[in-house]
Protein backbone atom coordinates (compact mmCIF):
# COMPACT_ATOMS: atom_id res chain seq x y z
CA MET A 1 0.08 0.12 -0.17
CA LYS A 2 2.57 2.22 1.04
CA ARG A 3 4.06 1.32 -2.46
CA LEU A 4 0.94 2.27 -4.28
CA THR A 5 0.32 5.70 -2.70
CA ALA A 6 3.91 6.68 -3.65
CA LEU A 7 3.43 6.05 -6.98
CA ALA A 8 0.43 8.18 -6.88
CA ALA A 9 2.07 10.52 -5.26
CA LEU A 10 5.40 10.57 -7.61
CA LEU A 11 2.98 10.45 -10.63
CA LEU A 12 0.52 13.45 -9.35
CA SER A 13 3.98 15.27 -8.52
CA VAL A 14 5.33 14.84 -12.06
CA THR A 15 1.87 15.91 -13.51
CA VAL A 16 1.72 18.96 -12.04
CA ALA A 17 5.03 20.30 -12.59
CA GLY A 18 4.38 19.15 -16.05
CA SER A 19 1.91 21.96 -15.84
CA ALA A 20 3.51 24.43 -14.57
CA ARG A 21 5.58 24.07 -16.72
CA GLN A 22 3.60 24.42 -19.99
CA GLU A 23 1.98 27.79 -17.95
CA THR A 24 5.30 29.21 -17.55
CA GLN A 25 6.34 28.56 -21.85
CA GLN A 26 3.29 30.10 -22.15
CA LYS A 27 3.48 33.14 -20.20
CA LEU A 28 6.47 33.92 -21.53
CA PRO A 29 6.74 37.68 -22.60
CA ALA A 30 7.06 38.64 -26.48
CA TYR A 31 9.69 40.21 -27.60
CA THR A 32 9.52 42.48 -30.65
CA GLU A 33 12.07 45.77 -31.97
CA SER A 34 11.46 48.12 -33.74
CA ALA A 35 13.97 50.83 -35.06
CA GLY A 36 13.55 53.94 -36.86
CA SER A 37 15.38 56.40 -39.32
CA GLU A 38 16.38 60.22 -39.90
CA TYR A 39 17.22 60.23 -42.83
CA VAL A 40 16.16 57.79 -45.82
CA LEU A 41 17.57 58.59 -49.48
CA VAL A 42 15.54 58.37 -52.33
CA PRO A 43 16.93 58.08 -56.21
CA VAL A 44 15.31 59.03 -58.18
CA VAL A 45 15.40 59.00 -62.63
CA VAL A 46 12.25 60.86 -64.76
CA LEU A 47 11.75 59.93 -68.59
CA ASP A 48 9.33 61.62 -70.60
CA LYS A 49 6.96 59.16 -72.61
CA LYS A 50 9.99 58.88 -75.55
CA GLY A 51 12.07 57.18 -71.93
CA ARG A 52 14.25 60.32 -72.89
CA PHE A 53 15.82 61.77 -69.28
CA VAL A 54 13.67 64.95 -68.06
CA GLU A 55 16.52 67.97 -67.36
CA GLY A 56 16.06 71.37 -65.14
CA LEU A 57 13.98 69.28 -62.04
CA GLU A 58 13.27 71.33 -59.02
CA LYS A 59 12.39 70.43 -55.32
CA LYS A 60 9.08 72.15 -56.44
CA ASN A 61 8.62 69.21 -58.63
CA PHE A 62 8.60 66.56 -56.23
CA GLN A 63 6.29 64.90 -53.64
CA LEU A 64 7.30 62.13 -51.43
CA ARG A 65 4.23 60.08 -49.77
CA VAL A 66 4.66 57.18 -46.91
CA GLN A 67 1.58 55.42 -46.51
CA GLY A 68 -0.37 58.03 -48.16
CA VAL A 69 1.46 60.96 -45.89
CA ARG A 70 2.99 63.82 -47.61
CA VAL A 71 6.42 64.15 -46.65
CA ASP A 72 8.61 67.19 -46.26
CA LEU A 73 12.11 67.00 -48.48
CA ASP A 74 14.72 68.74 -46.47
CA THR A 75 17.62 68.12 -49.21
CA PHE A 76 17.29 67.70 -53.27
CA GLU A 77 20.23 67.43 -55.41
CA LYS A 78 21.31 66.18 -59.10
CA ASP A 79 24.03 63.84 -58.91
CA ASP A 80 25.58 63.64 -62.49
CA ASN A 81 27.91 60.88 -60.95
CA ALA A 82 25.15 57.90 -59.72
CA PRO A 83 25.72 54.68 -61.23
CA ALA A 84 24.39 53.55 -64.19
CA SER A 85 23.63 50.54 -66.11
CA PHE A 86 24.78 49.61 -69.06
CA ALA A 87 23.88 46.83 -71.69
CA PHE A 88 25.78 46.15 -74.98
CA LEU A 89 23.64 44.13 -77.37
CA ILE A 90 26.42 42.95 -80.26
CA ASP A 91 26.08 41.49 -83.67
CA THR A 92 27.96 37.81 -83.99
CA SER A 93 26.43 37.44 -87.09
CA GLY A 94 28.94 36.37 -89.99
CA SER A 95 29.02 39.73 -91.56
CA MET A 96 30.50 41.48 -88.50
CA ARG A 97 34.15 39.24 -89.36
CA LEU A 98 34.14 41.79 -92.76
CA ALA A 99 36.43 44.55 -91.79
CA SER A 100 37.01 43.79 -88.46
CA LYS A 101 33.64 44.65 -87.57
CA LEU A 102 33.37 42.72 -84.80
CA GLU A 103 36.84 43.73 -83.47
CA TYR A 104 36.18 46.88 -83.89
CA ALA A 105 32.58 46.76 -81.47
CA LYS A 106 34.85 44.98 -78.80
CA ALA A 107 36.97 47.59 -78.67
CA ALA A 108 34.23 50.43 -78.22
CA VAL A 109 33.34 48.53 -75.20
CA ARG A 110 36.32 48.10 -73.95
CA ARG A 111 36.55 51.76 -74.09
CA ILE A 112 33.22 52.56 -72.68
CA VAL A 113 34.04 49.94 -69.49
CA SER A 114 37.43 51.34 -68.87
CA GLN A 115 35.78 54.85 -68.23
CA ARG A 116 32.80 53.87 -65.60
CA LYS A 117 32.51 54.54 -62.83
CA SER A 118 32.11 53.29 -58.78
CA GLY A 119 28.99 51.48 -58.67
CA ASP A 120 28.47 51.29 -62.42
CA ASP A 121 27.35 47.95 -63.60
CA PHE A 122 26.84 46.25 -67.20
CA ALA A 123 25.42 43.20 -69.45
CA LEU A 124 26.53 41.33 -72.52
CA PHE A 125 23.86 40.34 -75.15
CA ALA A 126 25.07 39.27 -78.22
CA PHE A 127 22.81 38.18 -81.47
CA ALA A 128 23.04 36.25 -84.80
CA GLU A 129 20.31 34.46 -86.61
CA GLU A 130 17.10 35.87 -85.47
CA GLU A 131 18.66 34.37 -81.53
CA VAL A 132 20.02 37.30 -78.84
CA ARG A 133 21.14 35.55 -75.94
CA LEU A 134 22.70 36.96 -72.43
CA VAL A 135 26.08 36.25 -72.72
CA SER A 136 26.98 38.00 -69.49
CA ASP A 137 24.48 39.31 -66.53
CA PHE A 138 24.57 42.66 -64.88
CA SER A 139 27.50 43.11 -62.40
CA ARG A 140 29.46 45.75 -61.60
CA ASP A 141 32.49 43.32 -61.92
CA PRO A 142 34.29 44.83 -65.44
CA ALA A 143 36.52 41.57 -65.50
CA ARG A 144 33.24 38.98 -65.70
CA LEU A 145 32.19 41.32 -68.87
CA LEU A 146 34.88 41.70 -70.38
CA ALA A 147 36.20 37.75 -70.26
CA ALA A 148 32.53 36.74 -71.88
CA LEU A 149 33.38 39.78 -74.61
CA ASP A 150 36.41 38.32 -75.50
CA GLY A 151 34.77 34.74 -76.00
CA LEU A 152 32.51 36.23 -78.76
CA GLU A 153 32.79 35.60 -82.26
CA ALA A 154 31.08 35.93 -85.69
CA GLY A 155 29.27 33.63 -87.28
CA GLY A 156 25.53 32.86 -88.36
CA LYS A 157 23.48 34.91 -90.60
CA THR A 158 22.51 38.49 -90.18
CA ALA A 159 19.46 39.83 -88.99
CA LEU A 160 19.83 43.34 -89.56
CA PHE A 161 16.76 45.56 -88.06
CA SER A 162 14.28 42.38 -86.98
CA SER A 163 12.60 40.83 -83.92
CA PRO A 164 16.82 40.07 -82.00
CA ARG A 165 16.84 44.10 -81.18
CA GLN A 166 12.44 44.00 -80.08
CA ARG A 167 13.96 40.93 -77.75
CA TRP A 168 16.46 42.24 -76.21
CA GLN A 169 14.50 45.56 -75.89
CA ARG A 170 11.60 43.31 -74.26
CA SER A 171 13.93 41.90 -71.65
CA CYS A 172 15.95 45.04 -70.84
CA ASN A 173 12.65 46.31 -70.07
CA ARG A 174 11.19 43.43 -67.93
CA SER A 175 14.77 44.90 -65.58
CA ARG A 176 15.22 47.06 -63.36
CA HIS A 177 18.05 48.36 -65.33
CA ARG A 178 17.67 51.13 -68.30
CA CYS A 179 19.26 49.99 -71.27
CA MET A 180 20.86 52.08 -74.29
CA ARG A 181 21.24 51.14 -77.43
CA TRP A 182 23.89 52.38 -79.69
CA ALA A 183 23.82 51.81 -83.72
């Protein structure tokens, strides 16, 4: 009988301790943290309906709203040294073998990349035979683009003023980058 009483007391104490532990775990305080910021940099590029840069804008031409509430602009400045994204589209069709056209195109890309500013990034596309392919995705590492550029070779049919240019422009428009085309 003593054993039975001791066993019942042990089971009761384990049950009570277990429920007390559950109550303690459920009553732990929640931890939350918040942070604030005095200033937030909001870079802006303004283009007209034709995709051209709009010049001469001033602080009075802008409104900033956060969750529908207007926020005063403390500073406003134009930065001609802001990073830019460049996407190069190179014709690698067979006609680019003539008169070293591909080598001249590569030299032009190298020249632009050599004059890059801090933060600029670059991508390289190539087209021939109605196909546009991404050769080097956007990166701030110029060595990556230049290595891919060196690997380009001319071959295939020319697709002058056809769908490759349109497909390339659509892929650029879907990205966060502005693409420039030189012809």
